[in-house]
PDB file of N, CA and C in Angstrom:
ATOM      1  N   UNK A   1      67.206 -23.864  20.047  1.00  0.00           N
ATOM      2  CA  UNK A   1      67.983 -24.583  19.054  1.00  0.00           C
ATOM      3  C   UNK A   1      67.130 -24.838  17.829  1.00  0.00           C
ATOM      4  N   UNK A   2      67.789 -24.846  16.678  1.00  0.00           N
ATOM      5  CA  UNK A   2      67.096 -25.063  15.417  1.00  0.00           C
ATOM      6  C   UNK A   2      67.591 -26.378  14.849  1.00  0.00           C
ATOM      7  N   UNK A   3      66.883 -27.448  15.130  1.00  0.00           N
ATOM      8  CA  UNK A   3      67.285 -28.748  14.615  1.00  0.00           C
ATOM      9  C   UNK A   3      66.047 -29.582  14.327  1.00  0.00           C
ATOM     10  N   UNK A   4      66.172 -30.494  13.402  1.00  0.00           N
ATOM     11  CA  UNK A   4      65.149 -31.479  13.124  1.00  0.00           C
ATOM     12  C   UNK A   4      65.877 -32.759  12.764  1.00  0.00           C
ATOM     13  N   UNK A   5      66.065 -33.657  13.754  1.00  0.00           N
ATOM     14  CA  UNK A   5      66.857 -34.862  13.501  1.00  0.00           C
ATOM     15  C   UNK A   5      66.237 -35.792  12.467  1.00  0.00           C
ATOM     16  N   UNK A   6      64.956 -35.598  12.138  1.00  0.00           N
ATOM     17  CA  UNK A   6      64.308 -36.460  11.149  1.00  0.00           C
ATOM     18  C   UNK A   6      64.709 -36.115   9.727  1.00  0.00           C
ATOM     19  N   UNK A   7      65.314 -34.948   9.524  1.00  0.00           N
ATOM     20  CA  UNK A   7      65.698 -34.519   8.186  1.00  0.00           C
ATOM     21  C   UNK A   7      67.207 -34.645   8.036  1.00  0.00           C
ATOM     22  N   UNK A   8      67.666 -35.471   7.084  1.00  0.00           N
ATOM     23  CA  UNK A   8      69.113 -35.565   6.882  1.00  0.00           C
ATOM     24  C   UNK A   8      69.655 -34.249   6.324  1.00  0.00           C
ATOM     25  N   UNK A   9      70.817 -33.856   6.790  1.00  0.00           N
ATOM     26  CA  UNK A   9      71.411 -32.591   6.369  1.00  0.00           C
ATOM     27  C   UNK A   9      72.587 -32.871   5.450  1.00  0.00           C
ATOM     28  N   UNK A  10      72.561 -32.253   4.286  1.00  0.00           N
ATOM     29  CA  UNK A  10      73.691 -32.339   3.362  1.00  0.00           C
ATOM     30  C   UNK A  10      74.492 -31.058   3.520  1.00  0.00           C
ATOM     31  N   UNK A  11      75.560 -31.120   4.269  1.00  0.00           N
ATOM     32  CA  UNK A  11      76.334 -29.913   4.543  1.00  0.00           C
ATOM     33  C   UNK A  11      75.702 -29.127   5.678  1.00  0.00           C
ATOM     34  N   UNK A  12      76.217 -27.968   5.932  1.00  0.00           N
ATOM     35  CA  UNK A  12      75.692 -27.132   7.013  1.00  0.00           C
ATOM     36  C   UNK A  12      74.665 -26.159   6.476  1.00  0.00           C
ATOM     37  N   UNK A  13      73.483 -26.107   7.107  1.00  0.00           N
ATOM     38  CA  UNK A  13      72.504 -25.110   6.667  1.00  0.00           C
ATOM     39  C   UNK A  13      72.946 -23.712   7.092  1.00  0.00           C
ATOM     40  N   UNK A  14      72.483 -22.722   6.390  1.00  0.00           N
ATOM     41  CA  UNK A  14      72.768 -21.329   6.717  1.00  0.00           C
ATOM     42  C   UNK A  14      71.467 -20.656   7.129  1.00  0.00           C
ATOM     43  N   UNK A  15      71.559 -19.775   8.109  1.00  0.00           N
ATOM     44  CA  UNK A  15      70.396 -19.076   8.618  1.00  0.00           C
ATOM     45  C   UNK A  15      70.655 -17.578   8.631  1.00  0.00           C
ATOM     46  N   UNK A  16      69.601 -16.802   8.440  1.00  0.00           N
ATOM     47  CA  UNK A  16      69.636 -15.372   8.708  1.00  0.00           C
ATOM     48  C   UNK A  16      68.831 -15.172   9.975  1.00  0.00           C
ATOM     49  N   UNK A  17      69.447 -14.588  10.989  1.00  0.00           N
ATOM     50  CA  UNK A  17      68.798 -14.357  12.277  1.00  0.00           C
ATOM     51  C   UNK A  17      68.698 -12.855  12.483  1.00  0.00           C
ATOM     52  N   UNK A  18      67.480 -12.377  12.757  1.00  0.00           N
ATOM     53  CA  UNK A  18      67.272 -10.947  12.950  1.00  0.00           C
ATOM     54  C   UNK A  18      66.546 -10.706  14.262  1.00  0.00           C
ATOM     55  N   UNK A  19      67.104  -9.845  15.087  1.00  0.00           N
ATOM     56  CA  UNK A  19      66.484  -9.435  16.346  1.00  0.00           C
ATOM     57  C   UNK A  19      65.884  -8.055  16.151  1.00  0.00           C
ATOM     58  N   UNK A  20      64.586  -7.948  16.396  1.00  0.00           N
ATOM     59  CA  UNK A  20      63.871  -6.678  16.267  1.00  0.00           C
ATOM     60  C   UNK A  20      64.182  -6.047  14.910  1.00  0.00           C
ATOM     61  N   UNK A  21      64.636  -4.800  14.893  1.00  0.00           N
ATOM     62  CA  UNK A  21      64.898  -4.118  13.621  1.00  0.00           C
ATOM     63  C   UNK A  21      66.391  -4.070  13.284  1.00  0.00           C
ATOM     64  N   UNK A  22      67.193  -4.841  14.011  1.00  0.00           N
ATOM     65  CA  UNK A  22      68.626  -4.884  13.724  1.00  0.00           C
ATOM     66  C   UNK A  22      68.876  -5.576  12.388  1.00  0.00           C
ATOM     67  N   UNK A  23      70.038  -5.386  11.843  1.00  0.00           N
ATOM     68  CA  UNK A  23      70.408  -6.064  10.599  1.00  0.00           C
ATOM     69  C   UNK A  23      70.497  -7.568  10.841  1.00  0.00           C
ATOM     70  N   UNK A  24      70.051  -8.382   9.885  1.00  0.00           N
ATOM     71  CA  UNK A  24      70.155  -9.837  10.043  1.00  0.00           C
ATOM     72  C   UNK A  24      71.617 -10.280  10.089  1.00  0.00           C
ATOM     73  N   UNK A  25      71.851 -11.359  10.822  1.00  0.00           N
ATOM     74  CA  UNK A  25      73.182 -11.946  10.940  1.00  0.00           C
ATOM     75  C   UNK A  25      73.139 -13.315  10.286  1.00  0.00           C
ATOM     76  N   UNK A  26      74.102 -13.611   9.436  1.00  0.00           N
ATOM     77  CA  UNK A  26      74.196 -14.916   8.793  1.00  0.00           C
ATOM     78  C   UNK A  26      74.990 -15.847   9.700  1.00  0.00           C
ATOM     79  N   UNK A  27      74.474 -17.062   9.878  1.00  0.00           N
ATOM     80  CA  UNK A  27      75.146 -18.016  10.751  1.00  0.00           C
ATOM     81  C   UNK A  27      74.835 -19.442  10.308  1.00  0.00           C
ATOM     82  N   UNK A  28      75.703 -20.367  10.645  1.00  0.00           N
ATOM     83  CA  UNK A  28      75.465 -21.786  10.407  1.00  0.00           C
ATOM     84  C   UNK A  28      75.211 -22.509  11.727  1.00  0.00           C
ATOM     85  N   UNK A  29      75.270 -21.776  12.841  1.00  0.00           N
ATOM     86  CA  UNK A  29      75.040 -22.407  14.138  1.00  0.00           C
ATOM     87  C   UNK A  29      73.543 -22.567  14.391  1.00  0.00           C
ATOM     88  N   UNK A  30      73.196 -23.500  15.277  1.00  0.00           N
ATOM     89  CA  UNK A  30      71.791 -23.767  15.577  1.00  0.00           C
ATOM     90  C   UNK A  30      71.343 -23.155  16.898  1.00  0.00           C
ATOM     91  N   UNK A  31      72.139 -22.238  17.428  1.00  0.00           N
ATOM     92  CA  UNK A  31      71.725 -21.506  18.625  1.00  0.00           C
ATOM     93  C   UNK A  31      72.266 -20.088  18.522  1.00  0.00           C
ATOM     94  N   UNK A  32      71.604 -19.184  19.202  1.00  0.00           N
ATOM     95  CA  UNK A  32      72.000 -17.771  19.150  1.00  0.00           C
ATOM     96  C   UNK A  32      71.763 -17.173  20.524  1.00  0.00           C
ATOM     97  N   UNK A  33      72.706 -16.366  21.003  1.00  0.00           N
ATOM     98  CA  UNK A  33      72.579 -15.686  22.288  1.00  0.00           C
ATOM     99  C   UNK A  33      72.529 -14.192  22.038  1.00  0.00           C
ATOM    100  N   UNK A  34      71.604 -13.515  22.727  1.00  0.00           N
ATOM    101  CA  UNK A  34      71.472 -12.068  22.613  1.00  0.00           C
ATOM    102  C   UNK A  34      71.797 -11.448  23.962  1.00  0.00           C
ATOM    103  N   UNK A  35      72.527 -10.359  23.949  1.00  0.00           N
ATOM    104  CA  UNK A  35      72.928  -9.683  25.185  1.00  0.00           C
ATOM    105  C   UNK A  35      72.360  -8.269  25.216  1.00  0.00           C
ATOM    106  N   UNK A  36      72.195  -7.730  26.429  1.00  0.00           N
ATOM    107  CA  UNK A  36      71.819  -6.340  26.607  1.00  0.00           C
ATOM    108  C   UNK A  36      70.403  -6.010  26.195  1.00  0.00           C
ATOM    109  N   UNK A  37      69.517  -6.985  26.254  1.00  0.00           N
ATOM    110  CA  UNK A  37      68.129  -6.727  25.868  1.00  0.00           C
ATOM    111  C   UNK A  37      67.420  -5.907  26.941  1.00  0.00           C
ATOM    112  N   UNK A  38      66.657  -4.926  26.500  1.00  0.00           N
ATOM    113  CA  UNK A  38      65.900  -4.090  27.423  1.00  0.00           C
ATOM    114  C   UNK A  38      64.570  -4.749  27.744  1.00  0.00           C
ATOM    115  N   UNK A  39      63.966  -4.410  28.895  1.00  0.00           N
ATOM    116  CA  UNK A  39      62.643  -4.950  29.202  1.00  0.00           C
ATOM    117  C   UNK A  39      61.639  -4.576  28.111  1.00  0.00           C
ATOM    118  N   UNK A  40      60.724  -5.496  27.840  1.00  0.00           N
ATOM    119  CA  UNK A  40      59.684  -5.262  26.841  1.00  0.00           C
ATOM    120  C   UNK A  40      59.644  -6.365  25.808  1.00  0.00           C
ATOM    121  N   UNK A  41      58.886  -6.120  24.750  1.00  0.00           N
ATOM    122  CA  UNK A  41      58.689  -7.101  23.686  1.00  0.00           C
ATOM    123  C   UNK A  41      59.862  -7.087  22.707  1.00  0.00           C
ATOM    124  N   UNK A  42      60.227  -8.269  22.257  1.00  0.00           N
ATOM    125  CA  UNK A  42      61.276  -8.437  21.250  1.00  0.00           C
ATOM    126  C   UNK A  42      60.815  -9.493  20.255  1.00  0.00           C
ATOM    127  N   UNK A  43      61.323  -9.405  19.043  1.00  0.00           N
ATOM    128  CA  UNK A  43      60.976 -10.369  18.002  1.00  0.00           C
ATOM    129  C   UNK A  43      62.253 -10.898  17.360  1.00  0.00           C
ATOM    130  N   UNK A  44      62.323 -12.219  17.220  1.00  0.00           N
ATOM    131  CA  UNK A  44      63.432 -12.864  16.517  1.00  0.00           C
ATOM    132  C   UNK A  44      62.856 -13.564  15.295  1.00  0.00           C
ATOM    133  N   UNK A  45      63.489 -13.327  14.148  1.00  0.00           N
ATOM    134  CA  UNK A  45      63.098 -13.995  12.909  1.00  0.00           C
ATOM    135  C   UNK A  45      64.284 -14.812  12.424  1.00  0.00           C
ATOM    136  N   UNK A  46      64.011 -16.070  12.078  1.00  0.00           N
ATOM    137  CA  UNK A  46      65.050 -16.967  11.563  1.00  0.00           C
ATOM    138  C   UNK A  46      64.594 -17.464  10.197  1.00  0.00           C
ATOM    139  N   UNK A  47      65.475 -17.340   9.217  1.00  0.00           N
ATOM    140  CA  UNK A  47      65.166 -17.792   7.861  1.00  0.00           C
ATOM    141  C   UNK A  47      66.277 -18.693   7.367  1.00  0.00           C
ATOM    142  N   UNK A  48      65.897 -19.831   6.814  1.00  0.00           N
ATOM    143  CA  UNK A  48      66.852 -20.736   6.184  1.00  0.00           C
ATOM    144  C   UNK A  48      67.191 -20.174   4.809  1.00  0.00           C
ATOM    145  N   UNK A  49      68.480 -20.124   4.489  1.00  0.00           N
ATOM    146  CA  UNK A  49      68.932 -19.635   3.178  1.00  0.00           C
ATOM    147  C   UNK A  49      69.875 -20.661   2.568  1.00  0.00           C
ATOM    148  N   UNK A  50      69.960 -20.635   1.239  1.00  0.00           N
ATOM    149  CA  UNK A  50      70.881 -21.558   0.583  1.00  0.00           C
ATOM    150  C   UNK A  50      72.300 -20.984   0.598  1.00  0.00           C
ATOM    151  N   UNK A  51      73.223 -21.670  -0.050  1.00  0.00           N
ATOM    152  CA  UNK A  51      74.632 -21.262  -0.040  1.00  0.00           C
ATOM    153  C   UNK A  51      74.851 -19.895  -0.677  1.00  0.00           C
ATOM    154  N   UNK A  52      73.893 -19.426  -1.476  1.00  0.00           N
ATOM    155  CA  UNK A  52      73.990 -18.111  -2.116  1.00  0.00           C
ATOM    156  C   UNK A  52      73.197 -17.051  -1.353  1.00  0.00           C
ATOM    157  N   UNK A  53      72.774 -17.373  -0.134  1.00  0.00           N
ATOM    158  CA  UNK A  53      71.965 -16.486   0.719  1.00  0.00           C
ATOM    159  C   UNK A  53      70.590 -16.188   0.135  1.00  0.00           C
ATOM    160  N   UNK A  54      70.094 -17.080  -0.704  1.00  0.00           N
ATOM    161  CA  UNK A  54      68.742 -16.954  -1.245  1.00  0.00           C
ATOM    162  C   UNK A  54      67.792 -17.665  -0.278  1.00  0.00           C
ATOM    163  N   UNK A  55      66.734 -16.982   0.184  1.00  0.00           N
ATOM    164  CA  UNK A  55      65.799 -17.608   1.123  1.00  0.00           C
ATOM    165  C   UNK A  55      65.159 -18.872   0.547  1.00  0.00           C
ATOM    166  N   UNK A  56      65.051 -19.881   1.392  1.00  0.00           N
ATOM    167  CA  UNK A  56      64.365 -21.123   1.035  1.00  0.00           C
ATOM    168  C   UNK A  56      62.879 -20.897   1.294  1.00  0.00           C
ATOM    169  N   UNK A  57      62.006 -21.182   0.322  1.00  0.00           N
ATOM    170  CA  UNK A  57      60.575 -20.939   0.511  1.00  0.00           C
ATOM    171  C   UNK A  57      60.022 -21.654   1.746  1.00  0.00           C
ATOM    172  N   UNK A  58      59.101 -20.987   2.422  1.00  0.00           N
ATOM    173  CA  UNK A  58      58.412 -21.541   3.602  1.00  0.00           C
ATOM    174  C   UNK A  58      59.362 -21.961   4.715  1.00  0.00           C
ATOM    175  N   UNK A  59      60.437 -21.198   4.897  1.00  0.00           N
ATOM    176  CA  UNK A  59      61.421 -21.577   5.921  1.00  0.00           C
ATOM    177  C   UNK A  59      61.659 -20.471   6.944  1.00  0.00           C
ATOM    178  N   UNK A  60      60.715 -19.560   7.085  1.00  0.00           N
ATOM    179  CA  UNK A  60      60.871 -18.460   8.032  1.00  0.00           C
ATOM    180  C   UNK A  60      60.049 -18.731   9.281  1.00  0.00           C
ATOM    181  N   UNK A  61      60.673 -18.485  10.430  1.00  0.00           N
ATOM    182  CA  UNK A  61      59.984 -18.614  11.718  1.00  0.00           C
ATOM    183  C   UNK A  61      60.192 -17.313  12.485  1.00  0.00           C
ATOM    184  N   UNK A  62      59.120 -16.803  13.069  1.00  0.00           N
ATOM    185  CA  UNK A  62      59.196 -15.589  13.877  1.00  0.00           C
ATOM    186  C   UNK A  62      58.674 -15.909  15.269  1.00  0.00           C
ATOM    187  N   UNK A  63      59.429 -15.472  16.282  1.00  0.00           N
ATOM    188  CA  UNK A  63      59.054 -15.694  17.675  1.00  0.00           C
ATOM    189  C   UNK A  63      59.094 -14.360  18.401  1.00  0.00           C
ATOM    190  N   UNK A  64      58.034 -14.065  19.128  1.00  0.00           N
ATOM    191  CA  UNK A  64      58.032 -12.866  19.961  1.00  0.00           C
ATOM    192  C   UNK A  64      58.179 -13.307  21.412  1.00  0.00           C
ATOM    193  N   UNK A  65      59.008 -12.577  22.162  1.00  0.00           N
ATOM    194  CA  UNK A  65      59.205 -12.885  23.577  1.00  0.00           C
ATOM    195  C   UNK A  65      59.309 -11.583  24.349  1.00  0.00           C
ATOM    196  N   UNK A  66      59.191 -11.676  25.665  1.00  0.00           N
ATOM    197  CA  UNK A  66      59.187 -10.497  26.526  1.00  0.00           C
ATOM    198  C   UNK A  66      60.273 -10.611  27.586  1.00  0.00           C
ATOM    199  N   UNK A  67      60.977  -9.528  27.807  1.00  0.00           N
ATOM    200  CA  UNK A  67      61.939  -9.421  28.895  1.00  0.00           C
ATOM    201  C   UNK A  67      61.245  -8.651  30.011  1.00  0.00           C
ATOM    202  N   UNK A  68      61.243  -9.226  31.193  1.00  0.00           N
ATOM    203  CA  UNK A  68      60.607  -8.592  32.341  1.00  0.00           C
ATOM    204  C   UNK A  68      61.670  -7.890  33.185  1.00  0.00           C
ATOM    205  N   UNK A  69      61.384  -6.659  33.563  1.00  0.00           N
ATOM    206  CA  UNK A  69      62.324  -5.909  34.411  1.00  0.00           C
ATOM    207  C   UNK A  69      62.435  -6.608  35.761  1.00  0.00           C
ATOM    208  N   UNK A  70      63.640  -6.661  36.336  1.00  0.00           N
ATOM    209  CA  UNK A  70      63.791  -7.285  37.659  1.00  0.00           C
ATOM    210  C   UNK A  70      62.970  -6.492  38.680  1.00  0.00           C
ATOM    211  N   UNK A  71      62.375  -7.235  39.586  1.00  0.00           N
ATOM    212  CA  UNK A  71      61.555  -6.561  40.598  1.00  0.00           C
ATOM    213  C   UNK A  71      62.440  -5.872  41.626  1.00  0.00           C
ATOM    214  N   UNK A  72      61.952  -4.770  42.135  1.00  0.00           N
ATOM    215  CA  UNK A  72      62.636  -4.028  43.191  1.00  0.00           C
ATOM    216  C   UNK A  72      62.056  -4.531  44.515  1.00  0.00           C
ATOM    217  N   UNK A  73      62.775  -5.344  45.236  1.00  0.00           N
ATOM    218  CA  UNK A  73      62.300  -5.877  46.505  1.00  0.00           C
ATOM    219  C   UNK A  73      61.978  -4.790  47.505  1.00  0.00           C
ATOM    220  N   UNK A  74      61.452  -5.173  48.667  1.00  0.00           N
ATOM    221  CA  UNK A  74      61.129  -4.178  49.708  1.00  0.00           C
ATOM    222  C   UNK A  74      62.362  -3.354  50.071  1.00  0.00           C
ATOM    223  N   UNK A  75      62.134  -2.079  50.299  1.00  0.00           N
ATOM    224  CA  UNK A  75      63.242  -1.197  50.659  1.00  0.00           C
ATOM    225  C   UNK A  75      63.081  -0.659  52.037  1.00  0.00           C
TER     226      UNK A  75
END
């Protein structure tokens, strides 16, 4: 979730969310779900933008995470 209760919000903030090399998605929600991810490294970048989709300075966060393949139990 992308929230900071210490900062008052005037209206709904807009975000650009990008997974790996996919096109960014514009959203006003504070959570995002990704489906069909393959095992391996993935990167999500979130940028705060104003109402005109202009990036707000110093508002980009990038997170790298890993999907682990399910283990194949004893056969």
